[in-house]
């Protein structure tokens, strides 16, 4: 049996988008209550009955959440232009190196706007 598990994480952070026109509202410093979901896919182990322990997901992802939570995202290496698209890829690259089962990141910038990144 093959399944897809999705686990949600949240953080609060400030950012600004330096590459948009000067008059654009996102050029100004502002913050969000960000949310993202990691999607992992693979076979269910016959003995354990699961694909992966959710605690293992937390062990990989929580250090990244701690790096982002209540920080100015533009100061973080690789997030100098922290759009949803760039941030989704930033998360994906760091999680995928430790969790090969990762297939996607769904990154929510607001309650009605999100980006899904599935790797290159």
PDB file of N, CA and C in Angstrom:
ATOM      1  N   UNK A   1       0.845  -1.168   0.000  1.00  0.00           N
ATOM      2  CA  UNK A   1       0.000   0.000   0.000  1.00  0.00           C
ATOM      3  C   UNK A   1       0.899   1.243   0.000  1.00  0.00           C
ATOM      4  N   UNK A   2       0.570   2.199  -0.841  1.00  0.00           N
ATOM      5  CA  UNK A   2       1.316   3.455  -0.933  1.00  0.00           C
ATOM      6  C   UNK A   2       0.406   4.591  -0.466  1.00  0.00           C
ATOM      7  N   UNK A   3       0.958   5.515   0.354  1.00  0.00           N
ATOM      8  CA  UNK A   3       0.159   6.616   0.897  1.00  0.00           C
ATOM      9  C   UNK A   3       0.905   7.942   0.756  1.00  0.00           C
ATOM     10  N   UNK A   4       0.148   9.018   0.916  1.00  0.00           N
ATOM     11  CA  UNK A   4       0.726  10.355   1.027  1.00  0.00           C
ATOM     12  C   UNK A   4       0.326  10.917   2.381  1.00  0.00           C
ATOM     13  N   UNK A   5       1.312  11.285   3.182  1.00  0.00           N
ATOM     14  CA  UNK A   5       1.061  11.928   4.469  1.00  0.00           C
ATOM     15  C   UNK A   5       1.321  13.418   4.320  1.00  0.00           C
ATOM     16  N   UNK A   6       0.525  14.201   5.024  1.00  0.00           N
ATOM     17  CA  UNK A   6       0.689  15.653   5.015  1.00  0.00           C
ATOM     18  C   UNK A   6       0.726  16.117   6.465  1.00  0.00           C
ATOM     19  N   UNK A   7       1.750  16.910   6.785  1.00  0.00           N
ATOM     20  CA  UNK A   7       1.881  17.458   8.147  1.00  0.00           C
ATOM     21  C   UNK A   7       2.039  18.958   8.026  1.00  0.00           C
ATOM     22  N   UNK A   8       1.341  19.690   8.893  1.00  0.00           N
ATOM     23  CA  UNK A   8       1.289  21.150   8.847  1.00  0.00           C
ATOM     24  C   UNK A   8       2.180  21.763   9.920  1.00  0.00           C
ATOM     25  N   UNK A   9       2.809  22.882   9.558  1.00  0.00           N
ATOM     26  CA  UNK A   9       3.656  23.645  10.473  1.00  0.00           C
ATOM     27  C   UNK A   9       3.326  25.121  10.308  1.00  0.00           C
ATOM     28  N   UNK A  10       3.562  25.903  11.364  1.00  0.00           N
ATOM     29  CA  UNK A  10       3.247  27.336  11.347  1.00  0.00           C
ATOM     30  C   UNK A  10       4.388  28.136  11.950  1.00  0.00           C
ATOM     31  N   UNK A  11       4.520  29.375  11.487  1.00  0.00           N
ATOM     32  CA  UNK A  11       5.457  30.309  12.092  1.00  0.00           C
ATOM     33  C   UNK A  11       5.027  31.738  11.791  1.00  0.00           C
ATOM     34  N   UNK A  12       5.488  32.660  12.610  1.00  0.00           N
ATOM     35  CA  UNK A  12       5.242  34.086  12.439  1.00  0.00           C
ATOM     36  C   UNK A  12       6.566  34.720  12.019  1.00  0.00           C
ATOM     37  N   UNK A  13       6.525  35.592  11.031  1.00  0.00           N
ATOM     38  CA  UNK A  13       7.764  36.240  10.594  1.00  0.00           C
ATOM     39  C   UNK A  13       7.451  37.521   9.829  1.00  0.00           C
ATOM     40  N   UNK A  14       8.465  38.372   9.753  1.00  0.00           N
ATOM     41  CA  UNK A  14       8.371  39.603   8.971  1.00  0.00           C
ATOM     42  C   UNK A  14       9.226  39.461   7.719  1.00  0.00           C
ATOM     43  N   UNK A  15       8.835  40.178   6.682  1.00  0.00           N
ATOM     44  CA  UNK A  15       9.637  40.223   5.460  1.00  0.00           C
ATOM     45  C   UNK A  15       9.219  41.428   4.634  1.00  0.00           C
ATOM     46  N   UNK A  16       9.958  41.635   3.579  1.00  0.00           N
ATOM     47  CA  UNK A  16       9.594  42.597   2.544  1.00  0.00           C
ATOM     48  C   UNK A  16      10.152  42.043   1.244  1.00  0.00           C
ATOM     49  N   UNK A  17       9.546  42.434   0.147  1.00  0.00           N
ATOM     50  CA  UNK A  17       9.985  41.931  -1.156  1.00  0.00           C
ATOM     51  C   UNK A  17      10.764  43.034  -1.872  1.00  0.00           C
ATOM     52  N   UNK A  18      12.090  42.919  -1.891  1.00  0.00           N
ATOM     53  CA  UNK A  18      12.932  43.994  -2.412  1.00  0.00           C
ATOM     54  C   UNK A  18      12.899  44.147  -3.929  1.00  0.00           C
ATOM     55  N   UNK A  19      12.380  43.160  -4.647  1.00  0.00           N
ATOM     56  CA  UNK A  19      12.450  43.200  -6.110  1.00  0.00           C
ATOM     57  C   UNK A  19      11.148  43.617  -6.780  1.00  0.00           C
ATOM     58  N   UNK A  20      10.146  44.011  -5.990  1.00  0.00           N
ATOM     59  CA  UNK A  20       8.907  44.521  -6.579  1.00  0.00           C
ATOM     60  C   UNK A  20       9.031  46.044  -6.720  1.00  0.00           C
ATOM     61  N   UNK A  21       8.178  46.675  -7.518  1.00  0.00           N
ATOM     62  CA  UNK A  21       8.266  48.131  -7.680  1.00  0.00           C
ATOM     63  C   UNK A  21       8.175  48.859  -6.330  1.00  0.00           C
ATOM     64  N   UNK A  22       8.823  49.995  -6.262  1.00  0.00           N
ATOM     65  CA  UNK A  22       8.904  50.791  -5.031  1.00  0.00           C
ATOM     66  C   UNK A  22       7.532  51.042  -4.401  1.00  0.00           C
ATOM     67  N   UNK A  23       6.516  51.298  -5.204  1.00  0.00           N
ATOM     68  CA  UNK A  23       5.184  51.633  -4.685  1.00  0.00           C
ATOM     69  C   UNK A  23       4.353  50.409  -4.286  1.00  0.00           C
ATOM     70  N   UNK A  24       4.819  49.209  -4.575  1.00  0.00           N
ATOM     71  CA  UNK A  24       4.062  47.989  -4.257  1.00  0.00           C
ATOM     72  C   UNK A  24       3.980  47.805  -2.745  1.00  0.00           C
ATOM     73  N   UNK A  25       2.810  47.414  -2.241  1.00  0.00           N
ATOM     74  CA  UNK A  25       2.629  47.269  -0.789  1.00  0.00           C
ATOM     75  C   UNK A  25       3.568  46.231  -0.174  1.00  0.00           C
ATOM     76  N   UNK A  26       3.946  45.221  -0.938  1.00  0.00           N
ATOM     77  CA  UNK A  26       4.828  44.174  -0.400  1.00  0.00           C
ATOM     78  C   UNK A  26       6.289  44.621  -0.321  1.00  0.00           C
ATOM     79  N   UNK A  27       6.580  45.791  -0.841  1.00  0.00           N
ATOM     80  CA  UNK A  27       7.932  46.355  -0.731  1.00  0.00           C
ATOM     81  C   UNK A  27       8.167  46.889   0.688  1.00  0.00           C
ATOM     82  N   UNK A  28       7.055  47.183   1.390  1.00  0.00           N
ATOM     83  CA  UNK A  28       7.157  47.673   2.761  1.00  0.00           C
ATOM     84  C   UNK A  28       7.308  46.496   3.725  1.00  0.00           C
ATOM     85  N   UNK A  29       7.994  46.728   4.816  1.00  0.00           N
ATOM     86  CA  UNK A  29       8.136  45.721   5.862  1.00  0.00           C
ATOM     87  C   UNK A  29       6.759  45.349   6.397  1.00  0.00           C
ATOM     88  N   UNK A  30       6.490  44.045   6.465  1.00  0.00           N
ATOM     89  CA  UNK A  30       5.219  43.552   6.990  1.00  0.00           C
ATOM     90  C   UNK A  30       5.415  42.119   7.478  1.00  0.00           C
ATOM     91  N   UNK A  31       4.415  41.591   8.143  1.00  0.00           N
ATOM     92  CA  UNK A  31       4.524  40.238   8.668  1.00  0.00           C
ATOM     93  C   UNK A  31       3.326  39.388   8.310  1.00  0.00           C
ATOM     94  N   UNK A  32       3.494  38.092   8.501  1.00  0.00           N
ATOM     95  CA  UNK A  32       2.438  37.125   8.224  1.00  0.00           C
ATOM     96  C   UNK A  32       2.443  36.037   9.288  1.00  0.00           C
ATOM     97  N   UNK A  33       1.312  35.377   9.411  1.00  0.00           N
ATOM     98  CA  UNK A  33       1.222  34.111  10.118  1.00  0.00           C
ATOM     99  C   UNK A  33       1.317  33.051   9.024  1.00  0.00           C
ATOM    100  N   UNK A  34       2.532  32.587   8.779  1.00  0.00           N
ATOM    101  CA  UNK A  34       2.775  31.642   7.689  1.00  0.00           C
ATOM    102  C   UNK A  34       2.387  30.229   8.118  1.00  0.00           C
ATOM    103  N   UNK A  35       2.004  29.438   7.135  1.00  0.00           N
ATOM    104  CA  UNK A  35       1.711  28.027   7.353  1.00  0.00           C
ATOM    105  C   UNK A  35       2.285  27.269   6.163  1.00  0.00           C
ATOM    106  N   UNK A  36       2.824  26.079   6.402  1.00  0.00           N
ATOM    107  CA  UNK A  36       3.221  25.219   5.287  1.00  0.00           C
ATOM    108  C   UNK A  36       2.949  23.773   5.637  1.00  0.00           C
ATOM    109  N   UNK A  37       2.779  22.993   4.593  1.00  0.00           N
ATOM    110  CA  UNK A  37       2.528  21.559   4.733  1.00  0.00           C
ATOM    111  C   UNK A  37       3.613  20.810   3.979  1.00  0.00           C
ATOM    112  N   UNK A  38       4.095  19.764   4.611  1.00  0.00           N
ATOM    113  CA  UNK A  38       5.011  18.883   3.898  1.00  0.00           C
ATOM    114  C   UNK A  38       4.222  17.662   3.455  1.00  0.00           C
ATOM    115  N   UNK A  39       4.533  17.185   2.259  1.00  0.00           N
ATOM    116  CA  UNK A  39       3.870  16.014   1.679  1.00  0.00           C
ATOM    117  C   UNK A  39       4.935  14.940   1.482  1.00  0.00           C
ATOM    118  N   UNK A  40       4.738  13.803   2.107  1.00  0.00           N
ATOM    119  CA  UNK A  40       5.655  12.681   1.924  1.00  0.00           C
ATOM    120  C   UNK A  40       4.872  11.496   1.362  1.00  0.00           C
ATOM    121  N   UNK A  41       5.509  10.757   0.467  1.00  0.00           N
ATOM    122  CA  UNK A  41       4.852   9.636  -0.213  1.00  0.00           C
ATOM    123  C   UNK A  41       5.745   8.409  -0.122  1.00  0.00           C
ATOM    124  N   UNK A  42       5.103   7.259   0.067  1.00  0.00           N
ATOM    125  CA  UNK A  42       5.851   6.018   0.064  1.00  0.00           C
ATOM    126  C   UNK A  42       4.994   4.862   0.523  1.00  0.00           C
ATOM    127  N   UNK A  43       5.622   3.700   0.605  1.00  0.00           N
ATOM    128  CA  UNK A  43       4.885   2.496   1.007  1.00  0.00           C
ATOM    129  C   UNK A  43       4.706   2.414   2.522  1.00  0.00           C
ATOM    130  N   UNK A  44       3.596   1.844   2.932  1.00  0.00           N
ATOM    131  CA  UNK A  44       3.329   1.593   4.344  1.00  0.00           C
ATOM    132  C   UNK A  44       4.074   0.330   4.758  1.00  0.00           C
ATOM    133  N   UNK A  45       4.822   0.427   5.835  1.00  0.00           N
ATOM    134  CA  UNK A  45       5.554  -0.727   6.363  1.00  0.00           C
ATOM    135  C   UNK A  45       4.566  -1.754   6.920  1.00  0.00           C
ATOM    136  N   UNK A  46       4.733  -3.001   6.524  1.00  0.00           N
ATOM    137  CA  UNK A  46       3.813  -4.054   6.954  1.00  0.00           C
ATOM    138  C   UNK A  46       3.797  -4.233   8.472  1.00  0.00           C
ATOM    139  N   UNK A  47       4.932  -4.093   9.097  1.00  0.00           N
ATOM    140  CA  UNK A  47       5.012  -4.325  10.538  1.00  0.00           C
ATOM    141  C   UNK A  47       4.472  -3.141  11.348  1.00  0.00           C
ATOM    142  N   UNK A  48       4.944  -1.930  11.036  1.00  0.00           N
ATOM    143  CA  UNK A  48       4.534  -0.763  11.828  1.00  0.00           C
ATOM    144  C   UNK A  48       3.144  -0.264  11.450  1.00  0.00           C
ATOM    145  N   UNK A  49       2.755  -0.470  10.187  1.00  0.00           N
ATOM    146  CA  UNK A  49       1.465   0.016   9.723  1.00  0.00           C
ATOM    147  C   UNK A  49       1.471   1.478   9.308  1.00  0.00           C
ATOM    148  N   UNK A  50       2.659   2.074   9.207  1.00  0.00           N
ATOM    149  CA  UNK A  50       2.744   3.463   8.777  1.00  0.00           C
ATOM    150  C   UNK A  50       3.889   3.681   7.803  1.00  0.00           C
ATOM    151  N   UNK A  51       3.831   4.787   7.103  1.00  0.00           N
ATOM    152  CA  UNK A  51       4.910   5.175   6.192  1.00  0.00           C
ATOM    153  C   UNK A  51       6.093   5.701   6.994  1.00  0.00           C
ATOM    154  N   UNK A  52       5.815   6.640   7.900  1.00  0.00           N
ATOM    155  CA  UNK A  52       6.865   7.269   8.695  1.00  0.00           C
ATOM    156  C   UNK A  52       6.218   7.819   9.962  1.00  0.00           C
ATOM    157  N   UNK A  53       6.951   7.810  11.022  1.00  0.00           N
ATOM    158  CA  UNK A  53       6.477   8.366  12.292  1.00  0.00           C
ATOM    159  C   UNK A  53       6.406   9.889  12.160  1.00  0.00           C
ATOM    160  N   UNK A  54       5.282  10.490  12.543  1.00  0.00           N
ATOM    161  CA  UNK A  54       5.163  11.942  12.476  1.00  0.00           C
ATOM    162  C   UNK A  54       6.240  12.629  13.313  1.00  0.00           C
ATOM    163  N   UNK A  55       6.717  11.986  14.358  1.00  0.00           N
ATOM    164  CA  UNK A  55       7.803  12.533  15.166  1.00  0.00           C
ATOM    165  C   UNK A  55       9.092  12.689  14.379  1.00  0.00           C
ATOM    166  N   UNK A  56       9.329  11.786  13.430  1.00  0.00           N
ATOM    167  CA  UNK A  56      10.506  11.892  12.563  1.00  0.00           C
ATOM    168  C   UNK A  56      10.378  13.131  11.676  1.00  0.00           C
ATOM    169  N   UNK A  57       9.169  13.390  11.193  1.00  0.00           N
ATOM    170  CA  UNK A  57       8.945  14.602  10.400  1.00  0.00           C
ATOM    171  C   UNK A  57       9.260  15.836  11.245  1.00  0.00           C
ATOM    172  N   UNK A  58       8.767  15.841  12.493  1.00  0.00           N
ATOM    173  CA  UNK A  58       9.029  16.972  13.384  1.00  0.00           C
ATOM    174  C   UNK A  58      10.522  17.163  13.630  1.00  0.00           C
ATOM    175  N   UNK A  59      11.254  16.066  13.793  1.00  0.00           N
ATOM    176  CA  UNK A  59      12.698  16.163  14.044  1.00  0.00           C
ATOM    177  C   UNK A  59      13.426  16.872  12.898  1.00  0.00           C
ATOM    178  N   UNK A  60      12.953  16.677  11.685  1.00  0.00           N
ATOM    179  CA  UNK A  60      13.573  17.304  10.517  1.00  0.00           C
ATOM    180  C   UNK A  60      13.090  18.747  10.333  1.00  0.00           C
ATOM    181  N   UNK A  61      11.807  18.979  10.515  1.00  0.00           N
ATOM    182  CA  UNK A  61      11.206  20.273  10.165  1.00  0.00           C
ATOM    183  C   UNK A  61      11.296  21.309  11.292  1.00  0.00           C
ATOM    184  N   UNK A  62      11.166  20.896  12.534  1.00  0.00           N
ATOM    185  CA  UNK A  62      11.116  21.875  13.626  1.00  0.00           C
ATOM    186  C   UNK A  62      12.343  22.784  13.719  1.00  0.00           C
ATOM    187  N   UNK A  63      13.567  22.311  13.431  1.00  0.00           N
ATOM    188  CA  UNK A  63      14.695  23.248  13.426  1.00  0.00           C
ATOM    189  C   UNK A  63      14.558  24.351  12.370  1.00  0.00           C
ATOM    190  N   UNK A  64      13.936  24.049  11.252  1.00  0.00           N
ATOM    191  CA  UNK A  64      13.702  25.073  10.220  1.00  0.00           C
ATOM    192  C   UNK A  64      12.646  26.064  10.684  1.00  0.00           C
ATOM    193  N   UNK A  65      11.600  25.555  11.324  1.00  0.00           N
ATOM    194  CA  UNK A  65      10.564  26.438  11.868  1.00  0.00           C
ATOM    195  C   UNK A  65      11.190  27.373  12.904  1.00  0.00           C
ATOM    196  N   UNK A  66      12.044  26.834  13.765  1.00  0.00           N
ATOM    197  CA  UNK A  66      12.705  27.659  14.783  1.00  0.00           C
ATOM    198  C   UNK A  66      13.584  28.735  14.142  1.00  0.00           C
ATOM    199  N   UNK A  67      14.175  28.416  13.002  1.00  0.00           N
ATOM    200  CA  UNK A  67      15.024  29.395  12.299  1.00  0.00           C
ATOM    201  C   UNK A  67      14.198  30.531  11.702  1.00  0.00           C
ATOM    202  N   UNK A  68      12.946  30.269  11.367  1.00  0.00           N
ATOM    203  CA  UNK A  68      12.083  31.252  10.730  1.00  0.00           C
ATOM    204  C   UNK A  68      11.188  32.014  11.718  1.00  0.00           C
ATOM    205  N   UNK A  69      10.755  31.357  12.770  1.00  0.00           N
ATOM    206  CA  UNK A  69       9.734  31.904  13.648  1.00  0.00           C
ATOM    207  C   UNK A  69      10.214  33.164  14.376  1.00  0.00           C
ATOM    208  N   UNK A  70       9.475  34.244  14.178  1.00  0.00           N
ATOM    209  CA  UNK A  70       9.750  35.550  14.779  1.00  0.00           C
ATOM    210  C   UNK A  70      11.104  36.132  14.367  1.00  0.00           C
ATOM    211  N   UNK A  71      11.469  35.879  13.112  1.00  0.00           N
ATOM    212  CA  UNK A  71      12.676  36.469  12.532  1.00  0.00           C
ATOM    213  C   UNK A  71      12.297  37.294  11.312  1.00  0.00           C
ATOM    214  N   UNK A  72      13.232  38.127  10.892  1.00  0.00           N
ATOM    215  CA  UNK A  72      13.112  38.888   9.654  1.00  0.00           C
ATOM    216  C   UNK A  72      13.663  37.983   8.558  1.00  0.00           C
ATOM    217  N   UNK A  73      12.790  37.471   7.713  1.00  0.00           N
ATOM    218  CA  UNK A  73      13.165  36.446   6.738  1.00  0.00           C
ATOM    219  C   UNK A  73      14.260  36.905   5.779  1.00  0.00           C
ATOM    220  N   UNK A  74      14.272  38.173   5.415  1.00  0.00           N
ATOM    221  CA  UNK A  74      15.261  38.684   4.465  1.00  0.00           C
ATOM    222  C   UNK A  74      16.694  38.522   4.962  1.00  0.00           C
ATOM    223  N   UNK A  75      16.878  38.391   6.271  1.00  0.00           N
ATOM    224  CA  UNK A  75      18.214  38.214   6.845  1.00  0.00           C
ATOM    225  C   UNK A  75      18.702  36.765   6.801  1.00  0.00           C
ATOM    226  N   UNK A  76      17.850  35.842   6.402  1.00  0.00           N
ATOM    227  CA  UNK A  76      18.206  34.426   6.370  1.00  0.00           C
ATOM    228  C   UNK A  76      18.800  34.091   5.006  1.00  0.00           C
ATOM    229  N   UNK A  77      19.956  33.434   5.010  1.00  0.00           N
ATOM    230  CA  UNK A  77      20.626  33.083   3.756  1.00  0.00           C
ATOM    231  C   UNK A  77      19.692  32.277   2.858  1.00  0.00           C
ATOM    232  N   UNK A  78      19.569  32.742   1.619  1.00  0.00           N
ATOM    233  CA  UNK A  78      18.702  32.093   0.640  1.00  0.00           C
ATOM    234  C   UNK A  78      17.307  32.698   0.584  1.00  0.00           C
ATOM    235  N   UNK A  79      16.972  33.549   1.562  1.00  0.00           N
ATOM    236  CA  UNK A  79      15.647  34.174   1.599  1.00  0.00           C
ATOM    237  C   UNK A  79      15.737  35.700   1.501  1.00  0.00           C
ATOM    238  N   UNK A  80      16.717  36.177   0.812  1.00  0.00           N
ATOM    239  CA  UNK A  80      16.865  37.619   0.649  1.00  0.00           C
ATOM    240  C   UNK A  80      15.685  38.231  -0.111  1.00  0.00           C
ATOM    241  N   UNK A  81      15.018  37.438  -0.937  1.00  0.00           N
ATOM    242  CA  UNK A  81      13.800  37.836  -1.644  1.00  0.00           C
ATOM    243  C   UNK A  81      12.732  36.789  -1.311  1.00  0.00           C
ATOM    244  N   UNK A  82      12.159  36.843  -0.089  1.00  0.00           N
ATOM    245  CA  UNK A  82      11.342  35.740   0.428  1.00  0.00           C
ATOM    246  C   UNK A  82       9.899  35.715  -0.075  1.00  0.00           C
ATOM    247  N   UNK A  83       9.734  35.524  -1.360  1.00  0.00           N
ATOM    248  CA  UNK A  83       8.402  35.313  -1.917  1.00  0.00           C
ATOM    249  C   UNK A  83       7.913  33.939  -1.468  1.00  0.00           C
ATOM    250  N   UNK A  84       6.654  33.668  -1.665  1.00  0.00           N
ATOM    251  CA  UNK A  84       6.120  32.329  -1.350  1.00  0.00           C
ATOM    252  C   UNK A  84       6.845  31.262  -2.150  1.00  0.00           C
ATOM    253  N   UNK A  85       7.103  31.578  -3.422  1.00  0.00           N
ATOM    254  CA  UNK A  85       7.759  30.611  -4.300  1.00  0.00           C
ATOM    255  C   UNK A  85       9.177  30.303  -3.821  1.00  0.00           C
ATOM    256  N   UNK A  86       9.915  31.341  -3.498  1.00  0.00           N
ATOM    257  CA  UNK A  86      11.296  31.169  -3.033  1.00  0.00           C
ATOM    258  C   UNK A  86      11.324  30.444  -1.689  1.00  0.00           C
ATOM    259  N   UNK A  87      10.414  30.801  -0.795  1.00  0.00           N
ATOM    260  CA  UNK A  87      10.393  30.178   0.526  1.00  0.00           C
ATOM    261  C   UNK A  87       9.983  28.713   0.439  1.00  0.00           C
ATOM    262  N   UNK A  88       9.038  28.379  -0.417  1.00  0.00           N
ATOM    263  CA  UNK A  88       8.645  26.976  -0.591  1.00  0.00           C
ATOM    264  C   UNK A  88       9.830  26.148  -1.076  1.00  0.00           C
ATOM    265  N   UNK A  89      10.583  26.667  -2.023  1.00  0.00           N
ATOM    266  CA  UNK A  89      11.768  25.943  -2.523  1.00  0.00           C
ATOM    267  C   UNK A  89      12.841  25.848  -1.446  1.00  0.00           C
ATOM    268  N   UNK A  90      13.050  26.914  -0.691  1.00  0.00           N
ATOM    269  CA  UNK A  90      14.029  26.927   0.399  1.00  0.00           C
ATOM    270  C   UNK A  90      13.718  25.805   1.397  1.00  0.00           C
ATOM    271  N   UNK A  91      12.458  25.702   1.781  1.00  0.00           N
ATOM    272  CA  UNK A  91      12.043  24.636   2.699  1.00  0.00           C
ATOM    273  C   UNK A  91      12.225  23.266   2.061  1.00  0.00           C
ATOM    274  N   UNK A  92      11.760  23.115   0.834  1.00  0.00           N
ATOM    275  CA  UNK A  92      11.838  21.833   0.140  1.00  0.00           C
ATOM    276  C   UNK A  92      13.280  21.339   0.081  1.00  0.00           C
ATOM    277  N   UNK A  93      14.186  22.198  -0.333  1.00  0.00           N
ATOM    278  CA  UNK A  93      15.585  21.790  -0.491  1.00  0.00           C
ATOM    279  C   UNK A  93      16.187  21.318   0.822  1.00  0.00           C
ATOM    280  N   UNK A  94      15.868  21.992   1.915  1.00  0.00           N
ATOM    281  CA  UNK A  94      16.442  21.627   3.201  1.00  0.00           C
ATOM    282  C   UNK A  94      15.808  20.372   3.793  1.00  0.00           C
ATOM    283  N   UNK A  95      14.542  20.161   3.538  1.00  0.00           N
ATOM    284  CA  UNK A  95      13.866  18.963   4.054  1.00  0.00           C
ATOM    285  C   UNK A  95      14.191  17.747   3.201  1.00  0.00           C
ATOM    286  N   UNK A  96      14.188  17.903   1.895  1.00  0.00           N
ATOM    287  CA  UNK A  96      14.422  16.781   0.973  1.00  0.00           C
ATOM    288  C   UNK A  96      15.774  16.122   1.217  1.00  0.00           C
ATOM    289  N   UNK A  97      16.779  16.910   1.586  1.00  0.00           N
ATOM    290  CA  UNK A  97      18.114  16.338   1.814  1.00  0.00           C
ATOM    291  C   UNK A  97      18.124  15.372   2.995  1.00  0.00           C
ATOM    292  N   UNK A  98      17.161  15.513   3.899  1.00  0.00           N
ATOM    293  CA  UNK A  98      17.074  14.628   5.060  1.00  0.00           C
ATOM    294  C   UNK A  98      15.900  13.660   4.991  1.00  0.00           C
ATOM    295  N   UNK A  99      14.981  13.908   4.054  1.00  0.00           N
ATOM    296  CA  UNK A  99      13.764  13.111   3.962  1.00  0.00           C
ATOM    297  C   UNK A  99      13.442  12.844   2.494  1.00  0.00           C
ATOM    298  N   UNK A 100      14.004  11.783   1.939  1.00  0.00           N
ATOM    299  CA  UNK A 100      13.807  11.515   0.507  1.00  0.00           C
ATOM    300  C   UNK A 100      12.351  11.267   0.108  1.00  0.00           C
ATOM    301  N   UNK A 101      11.497  10.959   1.074  1.00  0.00           N
ATOM    302  CA  UNK A 101      10.078  10.714   0.780  1.00  0.00           C
ATOM    303  C   UNK A 101       9.312  12.001   0.471  1.00  0.00           C
ATOM    304  N   UNK A 102       9.926  13.164   0.707  1.00  0.00           N
ATOM    305  CA  UNK A 102       9.262  14.444   0.461  1.00  0.00           C
ATOM    306  C   UNK A 102       8.976  14.616  -1.027  1.00  0.00           C
ATOM    307  N   UNK A 103       7.722  14.958  -1.351  1.00  0.00           N
ATOM    308  CA  UNK A 103       7.354  15.188  -2.752  1.00  0.00           C
ATOM    309  C   UNK A 103       6.841  16.603  -3.010  1.00  0.00           C
ATOM    310  N   UNK A 104       6.432  17.322  -1.954  1.00  0.00           N
ATOM    311  CA  UNK A 104       5.902  18.672  -2.160  1.00  0.00           C
ATOM    312  C   UNK A 104       5.879  19.455  -0.857  1.00  0.00           C
ATOM    313  N   UNK A 105       5.911  20.770  -1.037  1.00  0.00           N
ATOM    314  CA  UNK A 105       5.670  21.727   0.040  1.00  0.00           C
ATOM    315  C   UNK A 105       4.515  22.605  -0.419  1.00  0.00           C
ATOM    316  N   UNK A 106       3.490  22.732   0.399  1.00  0.00           N
ATOM    317  CA  UNK A 106       2.435  23.708   0.149  1.00  0.00           C
ATOM    318  C   UNK A 106       2.667  24.841   1.137  1.00  0.00           C
ATOM    319  N   UNK A 107       2.968  26.037   0.622  1.00  0.00           N
ATOM    320  CA  UNK A 107       3.319  27.176   1.459  1.00  0.00           C
ATOM    321  C   UNK A 107       2.212  28.217   1.393  1.00  0.00           C
ATOM    322  N   UNK A 108       1.605  28.513   2.542  1.00  0.00           N
ATOM    323  CA  UNK A 108       0.509  29.480   2.643  1.00  0.00           C
ATOM    324  C   UNK A 108       1.051  30.803   3.184  1.00  0.00           C
ATOM    325  N   UNK A 109       0.965  31.844   2.373  1.00  0.00           N
ATOM    326  CA  UNK A 109       1.373  33.169   2.833  1.00  0.00           C
ATOM    327  C   UNK A 109       0.228  33.873   3.545  1.00  0.00           C
ATOM    328  N   UNK A 110      -0.969  33.655   3.066  1.00  0.00           N
ATOM    329  CA  UNK A 110      -2.178  34.179   3.701  1.00  0.00           C
ATOM    330  C   UNK A 110      -3.202  33.054   3.731  1.00  0.00           C
ATOM    331  N   UNK A 111      -4.364  33.332   4.311  1.00  0.00           N
ATOM    332  CA  UNK A 111      -5.374  32.272   4.402  1.00  0.00           C
ATOM    333  C   UNK A 111      -5.983  31.918   3.050  1.00  0.00           C
ATOM    334  N   UNK A 112      -5.770  32.751   2.030  1.00  0.00           N
ATOM    335  CA  UNK A 112      -6.337  32.431   0.727  1.00  0.00           C
ATOM    336  C   UNK A 112      -5.329  32.463  -0.423  1.00  0.00           C
ATOM    337  N   UNK A 113      -4.038  32.458  -0.099  1.00  0.00           N
ATOM    338  CA  UNK A 113      -3.002  32.439  -1.146  1.00  0.00           C
ATOM    339  C   UNK A 113      -1.905  31.467  -0.753  1.00  0.00           C
ATOM    340  N   UNK A 114      -1.598  30.548  -1.669  1.00  0.00           N
ATOM    341  CA  UNK A 114      -0.583  29.530  -1.376  1.00  0.00           C
ATOM    342  C   UNK A 114       0.166  29.146  -2.646  1.00  0.00           C
ATOM    343  N   UNK A 115       1.314  28.491  -2.426  1.00  0.00           N
ATOM    344  CA  UNK A 115       2.170  28.023  -3.510  1.00  0.00           C
ATOM    345  C   UNK A 115       2.511  26.568  -3.234  1.00  0.00           C
ATOM    346  N   UNK A 116       2.460  25.744  -4.249  1.00  0.00           N
ATOM    347  CA  UNK A 116       2.887  24.348  -4.108  1.00  0.00           C
ATOM    348  C   UNK A 116       4.162  24.169  -4.925  1.00  0.00           C
ATOM    349  N   UNK A 117       5.208  23.677  -4.244  1.00  0.00           N
ATOM    350  CA  UNK A 117       6.485  23.402  -4.917  1.00  0.00           C
ATOM    351  C   UNK A 117       6.752  21.909  -4.823  1.00  0.00           C
ATOM    352  N   UNK A 118       7.031  21.294  -5.987  1.00  0.00           N
ATOM    353  CA  UNK A 118       7.261  19.852  -6.059  1.00  0.00           C
ATOM    354  C   UNK A 118       8.686  19.489  -6.458  1.00  0.00           C
ATOM    355  N   UNK A 119       9.600  20.423  -6.394  1.00  0.00           N
ATOM    356  CA  UNK A 119      10.966  20.144  -6.799  1.00  0.00           C
ATOM    357  C   UNK A 119      11.161  20.457  -8.268  1.00  0.00           C
ATOM    358  N   UNK A 120      12.421  20.521  -8.660  1.00  0.00           N
ATOM    359  CA  UNK A 120      12.743  20.868 -10.053  1.00  0.00           C
ATOM    360  C   UNK A 120      12.604  19.681 -10.989  1.00  0.00           C
TER     361      UNK A 120
END
